[in-house]
PDB file of N, CA and C in Angstrom:
ATOM      1  N   UNK A   1     -20.373 -34.287  -6.209  1.00  0.00           N
ATOM      2  CA  UNK A   1     -21.145 -35.307  -5.527  1.00  0.00           C
ATOM      3  C   UNK A   1     -20.942 -36.637  -6.256  1.00  0.00           C
ATOM      4  N   UNK A   2     -20.719 -37.677  -5.487  1.00  0.00           N
ATOM      5  CA  UNK A   2     -20.493 -39.000  -6.058  1.00  0.00           C
ATOM      6  C   UNK A   2     -21.666 -39.906  -5.664  1.00  0.00           C
ATOM      7  N   UNK A   3     -22.348 -40.443  -6.690  1.00  0.00           N
ATOM      8  CA  UNK A   3     -23.581 -41.200  -6.493  1.00  0.00           C
ATOM      9  C   UNK A   3     -23.493 -42.535  -7.223  1.00  0.00           C
ATOM     10  N   UNK A   4     -24.004 -43.578  -6.572  1.00  0.00           N
ATOM     11  CA  UNK A   4     -24.124 -44.885  -7.223  1.00  0.00           C
ATOM     12  C   UNK A   4     -25.570 -45.340  -7.120  1.00  0.00           C
ATOM     13  N   UNK A   5     -26.090 -45.822  -8.247  1.00  0.00           N
ATOM     14  CA  UNK A   5     -27.407 -46.443  -8.282  1.00  0.00           C
ATOM     15  C   UNK A   5     -27.182 -47.942  -8.306  1.00  0.00           C
ATOM     16  N   UNK A   6     -27.947 -48.660  -7.506  1.00  0.00           N
ATOM     17  CA  UNK A   6     -27.758 -50.097  -7.363  1.00  0.00           C
ATOM     18  C   UNK A   6     -29.017 -50.828  -7.799  1.00  0.00           C
ATOM     19  N   UNK A   7     -28.833 -51.848  -8.632  1.00  0.00           N
ATOM     20  CA  UNK A   7     -29.940 -52.747  -8.963  1.00  0.00           C
ATOM     21  C   UNK A   7     -29.373 -54.159  -9.013  1.00  0.00           C
ATOM     22  N   UNK A   8     -30.159 -55.095  -9.465  1.00  0.00           N
ATOM     23  CA  UNK A   8     -29.706 -56.482  -9.419  1.00  0.00           C
ATOM     24  C   UNK A   8     -28.460 -56.706 -10.267  1.00  0.00           C
ATOM     25  N   UNK A   9     -28.395 -56.096 -11.454  1.00  0.00           N
ATOM     26  CA  UNK A   9     -27.217 -56.286 -12.295  1.00  0.00           C
ATOM     27  C   UNK A   9     -26.613 -54.978 -12.782  1.00  0.00           C
ATOM     28  N   UNK A  10     -27.235 -53.852 -12.454  1.00  0.00           N
ATOM     29  CA  UNK A  10     -26.718 -52.561 -12.904  1.00  0.00           C
ATOM     30  C   UNK A  10     -27.201 -52.159 -14.278  1.00  0.00           C
ATOM     31  N   UNK A  11     -28.025 -52.988 -14.902  1.00  0.00           N
ATOM     32  CA  UNK A  11     -28.457 -52.717 -16.271  1.00  0.00           C
ATOM     33  C   UNK A  11     -29.634 -51.743 -16.332  1.00  0.00           C
ATOM     34  N   UNK A  12     -30.684 -52.015 -15.588  1.00  0.00           N
ATOM     35  CA  UNK A  12     -31.877 -51.171 -15.680  1.00  0.00           C
ATOM     36  C   UNK A  12     -31.598 -49.764 -15.167  1.00  0.00           C
ATOM     37  N   UNK A  13     -30.747 -49.637 -14.181  1.00  0.00           N
ATOM     38  CA  UNK A  13     -30.450 -48.308 -13.654  1.00  0.00           C
ATOM     39  C   UNK A  13     -29.524 -47.521 -14.577  1.00  0.00           C
ATOM     40  N   UNK A  14     -28.838 -48.181 -15.493  1.00  0.00           N
ATOM     41  CA  UNK A  14     -27.950 -47.473 -16.423  1.00  0.00           C
ATOM     42  C   UNK A  14     -28.726 -46.479 -17.276  1.00  0.00           C
ATOM     43  N   UNK A  15     -29.932 -46.842 -17.689  1.00  0.00           N
ATOM     44  CA  UNK A  15     -30.763 -45.918 -18.467  1.00  0.00           C
ATOM     45  C   UNK A  15     -31.137 -44.708 -17.616  1.00  0.00           C
ATOM     46  N   UNK A  16     -31.459 -44.947 -16.361  1.00  0.00           N
ATOM     47  CA  UNK A  16     -31.830 -43.859 -15.463  1.00  0.00           C
ATOM     48  C   UNK A  16     -30.637 -42.947 -15.194  1.00  0.00           C
ATOM     49  N   UNK A  17     -29.462 -43.506 -15.082  1.00  0.00           N
ATOM     50  CA  UNK A  17     -28.246 -42.702 -14.882  1.00  0.00           C
ATOM     51  C   UNK A  17     -28.105 -41.690 -16.009  1.00  0.00           C
ATOM     52  N   UNK A  18     -28.326 -42.121 -17.227  1.00  0.00           N
ATOM     53  CA  UNK A  18     -28.219 -41.223 -18.384  1.00  0.00           C
ATOM     54  C   UNK A  18     -29.198 -40.057 -18.263  1.00  0.00           C
ATOM     55  N   UNK A  19     -30.428 -40.368 -17.852  1.00  0.00           N
ATOM     56  CA  UNK A  19     -31.457 -39.329 -17.693  1.00  0.00           C
ATOM     57  C   UNK A  19     -31.081 -38.355 -16.564  1.00  0.00           C
ATOM     58  N   UNK A  20     -30.540 -38.876 -15.475  1.00  0.00           N
ATOM     59  CA  UNK A  20     -30.125 -38.017 -14.364  1.00  0.00           C
ATOM     60  C   UNK A  20     -28.989 -37.106 -14.804  1.00  0.00           C
ATOM     61  N   UNK A  21     -28.021 -37.660 -15.547  1.00  0.00           N
ATOM     62  CA  UNK A  21     -26.902 -36.853 -16.046  1.00  0.00           C
ATOM     63  C   UNK A  21     -27.399 -35.711 -16.915  1.00  0.00           C
ATOM     64  N   UNK A  22     -28.370 -35.995 -17.778  1.00  0.00           N
ATOM     65  CA  UNK A  22     -28.923 -34.955 -18.646  1.00  0.00           C
ATOM     66  C   UNK A  22     -29.532 -33.822 -17.825  1.00  0.00           C
ATOM     67  N   UNK A  23     -30.285 -34.185 -16.790  1.00  0.00           N
ATOM     68  CA  UNK A  23     -30.913 -33.180 -15.930  1.00  0.00           C
ATOM     69  C   UNK A  23     -29.870 -32.405 -15.138  1.00  0.00           C
ATOM     70  N   UNK A  24     -28.853 -33.089 -14.644  1.00  0.00           N
ATOM     71  CA  UNK A  24     -27.793 -32.418 -13.884  1.00  0.00           C
ATOM     72  C   UNK A  24     -27.052 -31.413 -14.766  1.00  0.00           C
ATOM     73  N   UNK A  25     -26.799 -31.781 -16.007  1.00  0.00           N
ATOM     74  CA  UNK A  25     -26.126 -30.867 -16.936  1.00  0.00           C
ATOM     75  C   UNK A  25     -26.964 -29.625 -17.184  1.00  0.00           C
ATOM     76  N   UNK A  26     -28.279 -29.794 -17.327  1.00  0.00           N
ATOM     77  CA  UNK A  26     -29.177 -28.650 -17.534  1.00  0.00           C
ATOM     78  C   UNK A  26     -29.090 -27.668 -16.375  1.00  0.00           C
ATOM     79  N   UNK A  27     -28.876 -28.191 -15.164  1.00  0.00           N
ATOM     80  CA  UNK A  27     -28.830 -27.362 -13.973  1.00  0.00           C
ATOM     81  C   UNK A  27     -27.396 -27.030 -13.547  1.00  0.00           C
ATOM     82  N   UNK A  28     -26.429 -27.366 -14.400  1.00  0.00           N
ATOM     83  CA  UNK A  28     -25.009 -27.100 -14.129  1.00  0.00           C
ATOM     84  C   UNK A  28     -24.556 -27.722 -12.809  1.00  0.00           C
ATOM     85  N   UNK A  29     -25.024 -28.945 -12.548  1.00  0.00           N
ATOM     86  CA  UNK A  29     -24.631 -29.677 -11.349  1.00  0.00           C
ATOM     87  C   UNK A  29     -23.559 -30.681 -11.737  1.00  0.00           C
ATOM     88  N   UNK A  30     -22.435 -30.643 -11.043  1.00  0.00           N
ATOM     89  CA  UNK A  30     -21.355 -31.589 -11.290  1.00  0.00           C
ATOM     90  C   UNK A  30     -21.613 -32.830 -10.451  1.00  0.00           C
ATOM     91  N   UNK A  31     -21.634 -33.975 -11.120  1.00  0.00           N
ATOM     92  CA  UNK A  31     -21.972 -35.205 -10.419  1.00  0.00           C
ATOM     93  C   UNK A  31     -21.251 -36.384 -11.067  1.00  0.00           C
ATOM     94  N   UNK A  32     -20.655 -37.207 -10.231  1.00  0.00           N
ATOM     95  CA  UNK A  32     -20.070 -38.481 -10.668  1.00  0.00           C
ATOM     96  C   UNK A  32     -21.127 -39.526 -10.324  1.00  0.00           C
ATOM     97  N   UNK A  33     -21.814 -40.024 -11.340  1.00  0.00           N
ATOM     98  CA  UNK A  33     -22.910 -40.955 -11.100  1.00  0.00           C
ATOM     99  C   UNK A  33     -22.800 -42.138 -12.046  1.00  0.00           C
ATOM    100  N   UNK A  34     -23.038 -43.324 -11.512  1.00  0.00           N
ATOM    101  CA  UNK A  34     -23.037 -44.527 -12.341  1.00  0.00           C
ATOM    102  C   UNK A  34     -23.888 -45.596 -11.672  1.00  0.00           C
ATOM    103  N   UNK A  35     -24.132 -46.657 -12.410  1.00  0.00           N
ATOM    104  CA  UNK A  35     -24.939 -47.775 -11.914  1.00  0.00           C
ATOM    105  C   UNK A  35     -24.046 -48.994 -11.717  1.00  0.00           C
ATOM    106  N   UNK A  36     -24.337 -49.735 -10.656  1.00  0.00           N
ATOM    107  CA  UNK A  36     -23.609 -50.972 -10.380  1.00  0.00           C
ATOM    108  C   UNK A  36     -24.601 -52.036  -9.934  1.00  0.00           C
ATOM    109  N   UNK A  37     -24.219 -53.273 -10.130  1.00  0.00           N
ATOM    110  CA  UNK A  37     -25.001 -54.371  -9.595  1.00  0.00           C
ATOM    111  C   UNK A  37     -24.773 -54.466  -8.097  1.00  0.00           C
ATOM    112  N   UNK A  38     -25.743 -55.002  -7.397  1.00  0.00           N
ATOM    113  CA  UNK A  38     -25.656 -55.102  -5.937  1.00  0.00           C
ATOM    114  C   UNK A  38     -24.388 -55.832  -5.502  1.00  0.00           C
ATOM    115  N   UNK A  39     -23.978 -56.831  -6.250  1.00  0.00           N
ATOM    116  CA  UNK A  39     -22.790 -57.596  -5.904  1.00  0.00           C
ATOM    117  C   UNK A  39     -21.492 -56.829  -6.067  1.00  0.00           C
ATOM    118  N   UNK A  40     -21.527 -55.739  -6.834  1.00  0.00           N
ATOM    119  CA  UNK A  40     -20.315 -54.950  -7.069  1.00  0.00           C
ATOM    120  C   UNK A  40     -20.242 -53.687  -6.220  1.00  0.00           C
ATOM    121  N   UNK A  41     -21.278 -53.378  -5.465  1.00  0.00           N
ATOM    122  CA  UNK A  41     -21.313 -52.118  -4.721  1.00  0.00           C
ATOM    123  C   UNK A  41     -20.099 -51.947  -3.814  1.00  0.00           C
ATOM    124  N   UNK A  42     -19.703 -52.981  -3.115  1.00  0.00           N
ATOM    125  CA  UNK A  42     -18.570 -52.864  -2.181  1.00  0.00           C
ATOM    126  C   UNK A  42     -17.284 -52.428  -2.867  1.00  0.00           C
ATOM    127  N   UNK A  43     -17.185 -52.646  -4.165  1.00  0.00           N
ATOM    128  CA  UNK A  43     -15.994 -52.238  -4.909  1.00  0.00           C
ATOM    129  C   UNK A  43     -16.068 -50.771  -5.339  1.00  0.00           C
ATOM    130  N   UNK A  44     -17.201 -50.104  -5.047  1.00  0.00           N
ATOM    131  CA  UNK A  44     -17.419 -48.747  -5.548  1.00  0.00           C
ATOM    132  C   UNK A  44     -17.850 -47.767  -4.463  1.00  0.00           C
ATOM    133  N   UNK A  45     -17.408 -47.946  -3.232  1.00  0.00           N
ATOM    134  CA  UNK A  45     -17.872 -47.087  -2.141  1.00  0.00           C
ATOM    135  C   UNK A  45     -16.904 -45.961  -1.765  1.00  0.00           C
ATOM    136  N   UNK A  46     -15.714 -45.967  -2.320  1.00  0.00           N
ATOM    137  CA  UNK A  46     -14.733 -44.949  -1.958  1.00  0.00           C
ATOM    138  C   UNK A  46     -15.219 -43.554  -2.345  1.00  0.00           C
ATOM    139  N   UNK A  47     -15.223 -42.658  -1.371  1.00  0.00           N
ATOM    140  CA  UNK A  47     -15.614 -41.262  -1.553  1.00  0.00           C
ATOM    141  C   UNK A  47     -17.065 -41.073  -2.004  1.00  0.00           C
ATOM    142  N   UNK A  48     -17.907 -42.057  -1.775  1.00  0.00           N
ATOM    143  CA  UNK A  48     -19.323 -41.943  -2.154  1.00  0.00           C
ATOM    144  C   UNK A  48     -20.061 -40.995  -1.217  1.00  0.00           C
ATOM    145  N   UNK A  49     -21.055 -40.308  -1.781  1.00  0.00           N
ATOM    146  CA  UNK A  49     -21.932 -39.458  -0.990  1.00  0.00           C
ATOM    147  C   UNK A  49     -23.312 -40.093  -0.836  1.00  0.00           C
ATOM    148  N   UNK A  50     -23.805 -40.697  -1.927  1.00  0.00           N
ATOM    149  CA  UNK A  50     -25.175 -41.212  -1.956  1.00  0.00           C
ATOM    150  C   UNK A  50     -25.232 -42.546  -2.695  1.00  0.00           C
ATOM    151  N   UNK A  51     -26.033 -43.469  -2.144  1.00  0.00           N
ATOM    152  CA  UNK A  51     -26.374 -44.715  -2.840  1.00  0.00           C
ATOM    153  C   UNK A  51     -27.894 -44.770  -2.939  1.00  0.00           C
ATOM    154  N   UNK A  52     -28.376 -44.917  -4.169  1.00  0.00           N
ATOM    155  CA  UNK A  52     -29.804 -45.097  -4.396  1.00  0.00           C
ATOM    156  C   UNK A  52     -30.032 -46.520  -4.881  1.00  0.00           C
ATOM    157  N   UNK A  53     -31.012 -47.165  -4.291  1.00  0.00           N
ATOM    158  CA  UNK A  53     -31.287 -48.571  -4.559  1.00  0.00           C
ATOM    159  C   UNK A  53     -32.511 -48.686  -5.454  1.00  0.00           C
ATOM    160  N   UNK A  54     -32.411 -49.490  -6.503  1.00  0.00           N
ATOM    161  CA  UNK A  54     -33.548 -49.727  -7.384  1.00  0.00           C
ATOM    162  C   UNK A  54     -34.681 -50.400  -6.624  1.00  0.00           C
ATOM    163  N   UNK A  55     -35.925 -50.039  -6.948  1.00  0.00           N
ATOM    164  CA  UNK A  55     -37.071 -50.616  -6.234  1.00  0.00           C
ATOM    165  C   UNK A  55     -37.119 -52.143  -6.256  1.00  0.00           C
ATOM    166  N   UNK A  56     -36.597 -52.746  -7.312  1.00  0.00           N
ATOM    167  CA  UNK A  56     -36.646 -54.205  -7.426  1.00  0.00           C
ATOM    168  C   UNK A  56     -35.723 -54.915  -6.440  1.00  0.00           C
ATOM    169  N   UNK A  57     -34.777 -54.168  -5.850  1.00  0.00           N
ATOM    170  CA  UNK A  57     -33.886 -54.757  -4.843  1.00  0.00           C
ATOM    171  C   UNK A  57     -33.992 -53.996  -3.519  1.00  0.00           C
ATOM    172  N   UNK A  58     -35.152 -53.429  -3.264  1.00  0.00           N
ATOM    173  CA  UNK A  58     -35.360 -52.655  -2.030  1.00  0.00           C
ATOM    174  C   UNK A  58     -35.109 -53.485  -0.777  1.00  0.00           C
ATOM    175  N   UNK A  59     -35.211 -54.799  -0.901  1.00  0.00           N
ATOM    176  CA  UNK A  59     -34.957 -55.669   0.253  1.00  0.00           C
ATOM    177  C   UNK A  59     -33.512 -55.547   0.748  1.00  0.00           C
ATOM    178  N   UNK A  60     -32.623 -54.975  -0.051  1.00  0.00           N
ATOM    179  CA  UNK A  60     -31.227 -54.798   0.332  1.00  0.00           C
ATOM    180  C   UNK A  60     -30.986 -53.509   1.128  1.00  0.00           C
ATOM    181  N   UNK A  61     -32.010 -52.684   1.257  1.00  0.00           N
ATOM    182  CA  UNK A  61     -31.830 -51.375   1.884  1.00  0.00           C
ATOM    183  C   UNK A  61     -31.219 -51.469   3.282  1.00  0.00           C
ATOM    184  N   UNK A  62     -31.761 -52.310   4.125  1.00  0.00           N
ATOM    185  CA  UNK A  62     -31.249 -52.426   5.495  1.00  0.00           C
ATOM    186  C   UNK A  62     -29.794 -52.838   5.540  1.00  0.00           C
ATOM    187  N   UNK A  63     -29.454 -53.819   4.747  1.00  0.00           N
ATOM    188  CA  UNK A  63     -28.076 -54.326   4.707  1.00  0.00           C
ATOM    189  C   UNK A  63     -27.100 -53.250   4.196  1.00  0.00           C
ATOM    190  N   UNK A  64     -27.519 -52.536   3.144  1.00  0.00           N
ATOM    191  CA  UNK A  64     -26.656 -51.500   2.579  1.00  0.00           C
ATOM    192  C   UNK A  64     -26.511 -50.335   3.554  1.00  0.00           C
ATOM    193  N   UNK A  65     -27.614 -49.927   4.173  1.00  0.00           N
ATOM    194  CA  UNK A  65     -27.541 -48.838   5.166  1.00  0.00           C
ATOM    195  C   UNK A  65     -26.629 -49.215   6.321  1.00  0.00           C
ATOM    196  N   UNK A  66     -26.752 -50.440   6.785  1.00  0.00           N
ATOM    197  CA  UNK A  66     -25.929 -50.904   7.898  1.00  0.00           C
ATOM    198  C   UNK A  66     -24.440 -50.810   7.569  1.00  0.00           C
ATOM    199  N   UNK A  67     -24.099 -51.131   6.317  1.00  0.00           N
ATOM    200  CA  UNK A  67     -22.701 -51.113   5.906  1.00  0.00           C
ATOM    201  C   UNK A  67     -22.187 -49.708   5.595  1.00  0.00           C
ATOM    202  N   UNK A  68     -23.040 -48.844   5.023  1.00  0.00           N
ATOM    203  CA  UNK A  68     -22.555 -47.565   4.519  1.00  0.00           C
ATOM    204  C   UNK A  68     -22.863 -46.351   5.384  1.00  0.00           C
ATOM    205  N   UNK A  69     -23.933 -46.390   6.149  1.00  0.00           N
ATOM    206  CA  UNK A  69     -24.282 -45.232   6.979  1.00  0.00           C
ATOM    207  C   UNK A  69     -23.168 -44.841   7.948  1.00  0.00           C
ATOM    208  N   UNK A  70     -22.472 -45.814   8.577  1.00  0.00           N
ATOM    209  CA  UNK A  70     -21.369 -45.428   9.465  1.00  0.00           C
ATOM    210  C   UNK A  70     -20.239 -44.689   8.737  1.00  0.00           C
ATOM    211  N   UNK A  71     -20.183 -44.836   7.423  1.00  0.00           N
ATOM    212  CA  UNK A  71     -19.160 -44.149   6.622  1.00  0.00           C
ATOM    213  C   UNK A  71     -19.649 -42.781   6.156  1.00  0.00           C
ATOM    214  N   UNK A  72     -20.869 -42.404   6.571  1.00  0.00           N
ATOM    215  CA  UNK A  72     -21.419 -41.109   6.181  1.00  0.00           C
ATOM    216  C   UNK A  72     -22.066 -41.101   4.815  1.00  0.00           C
ATOM    217  N   UNK A  73     -22.297 -42.278   4.244  1.00  0.00           N
ATOM    218  CA  UNK A  73     -22.911 -42.384   2.925  1.00  0.00           C
ATOM    219  C   UNK A  73     -24.422 -42.494   3.101  1.00  0.00           C
ATOM    220  N   UNK A  74     -25.151 -41.617   2.432  1.00  0.00           N
ATOM    221  CA  UNK A  74     -26.612 -41.621   2.518  1.00  0.00           C
ATOM    222  C   UNK A  74     -27.165 -42.691   1.594  1.00  0.00           C
ATOM    223  N   UNK A  75     -28.180 -43.418   2.083  1.00  0.00           N
ATOM    224  CA  UNK A  75     -28.757 -44.535   1.338  1.00  0.00           C
ATOM    225  C   UNK A  75     -30.273 -44.397   1.313  1.00  0.00           C
ATOM    226  N   UNK A  76     -30.875 -44.612   0.146  1.00  0.00           N
ATOM    227  CA  UNK A  76     -32.340 -44.599   0.025  1.00  0.00           C
ATOM    228  C   UNK A  76     -32.749 -45.447  -1.170  1.00  0.00           C
ATOM    229  N   UNK A  77     -34.018 -45.816  -1.185  1.00  0.00           N
ATOM    230  CA  UNK A  77     -34.590 -46.514  -2.325  1.00  0.00           C
ATOM    231  C   UNK A  77     -35.097 -45.463  -3.311  1.00  0.00           C
ATOM    232  N   UNK A  78     -34.849 -45.678  -4.582  1.00  0.00           N
ATOM    233  CA  UNK A  78     -35.325 -44.761  -5.618  1.00  0.00           C
ATOM    234  C   UNK A  78     -36.848 -44.762  -5.611  1.00  0.00           C
ATOM    235  N   UNK A  79     -37.422 -43.571  -5.689  1.00  0.00           N
ATOM    236  CA  UNK A  79     -38.866 -43.432  -5.780  1.00  0.00           C
ATOM    237  C   UNK A  79     -39.387 -44.332  -6.909  1.00  0.00           C
ATOM    238  N   UNK A  80     -40.324 -45.222  -6.573  1.00  0.00           N
ATOM    239  CA  UNK A  80     -40.779 -46.233  -7.518  1.00  0.00           C
ATOM    240  C   UNK A  80     -41.410 -45.630  -8.775  1.00  0.00           C
ATOM    241  N   UNK A  81     -42.200 -44.587  -8.613  1.00  0.00           N
ATOM    242  CA  UNK A  81     -42.836 -43.952  -9.771  1.00  0.00           C
ATOM    243  C   UNK A  81     -41.790 -43.312 -10.667  1.00  0.00           C
ATOM    244  N   UNK A  82     -40.837 -42.607 -10.068  1.00  0.00           N
ATOM    245  CA  UNK A  82     -39.774 -41.967 -10.841  1.00  0.00           C
ATOM    246  C   UNK A  82     -38.941 -43.012 -11.574  1.00  0.00           C
ATOM    247  N   UNK A  83     -38.691 -44.139 -10.908  1.00  0.00           N
ATOM    248  CA  UNK A  83     -37.924 -45.219 -11.528  1.00  0.00           C
ATOM    249  C   UNK A  83     -38.673 -45.783 -12.729  1.00  0.00           C
ATOM    250  N   UNK A  84     -39.945 -46.082 -12.534  1.00  0.00           N
ATOM    251  CA  UNK A  84     -40.749 -46.662 -13.607  1.00  0.00           C
ATOM    252  C   UNK A  84     -40.876 -45.749 -14.814  1.00  0.00           C
ATOM    253  N   UNK A  85     -40.933 -44.454 -14.562  1.00  0.00           N
ATOM    254  CA  UNK A  85     -41.059 -43.469 -15.643  1.00  0.00           C
ATOM    255  C   UNK A  85     -39.690 -43.031 -16.178  1.00  0.00           C
ATOM    256  N   UNK A  86     -38.613 -43.546 -15.565  1.00  0.00           N
ATOM    257  CA  UNK A  86     -37.261 -43.117 -15.926  1.00  0.00           C
ATOM    258  C   UNK A  86     -37.171 -41.593 -15.889  1.00  0.00           C
ATOM    259  N   UNK A  87     -37.687 -41.029 -14.801  1.00  0.00           N
ATOM    260  CA  UNK A  87     -37.762 -39.586 -14.606  1.00  0.00           C
ATOM    261  C   UNK A  87     -36.483 -39.085 -13.939  1.00  0.00           C
ATOM    262  N   UNK A  88     -35.514 -38.729 -14.758  1.00  0.00           N
ATOM    263  CA  UNK A  88     -34.227 -38.278 -14.250  1.00  0.00           C
ATOM    264  C   UNK A  88     -34.326 -37.040 -13.384  1.00  0.00           C
ATOM    265  N   UNK A  89     -35.222 -36.135 -13.727  1.00  0.00           N
ATOM    266  CA  UNK A  89     -35.393 -34.905 -12.955  1.00  0.00           C
ATOM    267  C   UNK A  89     -35.868 -35.221 -11.537  1.00  0.00           C
ATOM    268  N   UNK A  90     -36.839 -36.100 -11.415  1.00  0.00           N
ATOM    269  CA  UNK A  90     -37.378 -36.450 -10.096  1.00  0.00           C
ATOM    270  C   UNK A  90     -36.315 -37.154  -9.244  1.00  0.00           C
ATOM    271  N   UNK A  91     -35.536 -38.045  -9.846  1.00  0.00           N
ATOM    272  CA  UNK A  91     -34.498 -38.756  -9.086  1.00  0.00           C
ATOM    273  C   UNK A  91     -33.377 -37.795  -8.710  1.00  0.00           C
ATOM    274  N   UNK A  92     -33.050 -36.849  -9.602  1.00  0.00           N
ATOM    275  CA  UNK A  92     -32.056 -35.832  -9.257  1.00  0.00           C
ATOM    276  C   UNK A  92     -32.532 -35.025  -8.056  1.00  0.00           C
ATOM    277  N   UNK A  93     -33.812 -34.686  -8.023  1.00  0.00           N
ATOM    278  CA  UNK A  93     -34.368 -33.961  -6.883  1.00  0.00           C
ATOM    279  C   UNK A  93     -34.260 -34.818  -5.604  1.00  0.00           C
ATOM    280  N   UNK A  94     -34.477 -36.114  -5.739  1.00  0.00           N
ATOM    281  CA  UNK A  94     -34.340 -37.006  -4.582  1.00  0.00           C
ATOM    282  C   UNK A  94     -32.901 -36.991  -4.072  1.00  0.00           C
ATOM    283  N   UNK A  95     -31.957 -37.046  -4.987  1.00  0.00           N
ATOM    284  CA  UNK A  95     -30.534 -37.013  -4.618  1.00  0.00           C
ATOM    285  C   UNK A  95     -30.219 -35.697  -3.888  1.00  0.00           C
ATOM    286  N   UNK A  96     -30.672 -34.593  -4.449  1.00  0.00           N
ATOM    287  CA  UNK A  96     -30.388 -33.301  -3.855  1.00  0.00           C
ATOM    288  C   UNK A  96     -31.013 -33.142  -2.470  1.00  0.00           C
ATOM    289  N   UNK A  97     -32.159 -33.763  -2.256  1.00  0.00           N
ATOM    290  CA  UNK A  97     -32.822 -33.648  -0.962  1.00  0.00           C
ATOM    291  C   UNK A  97     -32.126 -34.454   0.126  1.00  0.00           C
ATOM    292  N   UNK A  98     -31.256 -35.357  -0.282  1.00  0.00           N
ATOM    293  CA  UNK A  98     -30.549 -36.195   0.687  1.00  0.00           C
ATOM    294  C   UNK A  98     -29.350 -35.424   1.227  1.00  0.00           C
TER     295      UNK A  98
END
């Protein structure tokens, strides 16, 4: 599964990516996951399965869905509580439910 987390600059979601990777490893889930800034997302859509948007840039959800949904890429906003707590397990569950 190939996943990208999007925030304003890709910095705050980088910490969350690490937590998600740790949880995925515990569950033996293979995942290509990284964080990108909203301005760089278009350069990272090849073979993507899921895009999760940081709560601070949730206003981009419609625009991103419009661009990526026709390509079969699932798009959602990261659960705000899970994001704030940097809860990798909860965000991994969100990814899996998509």
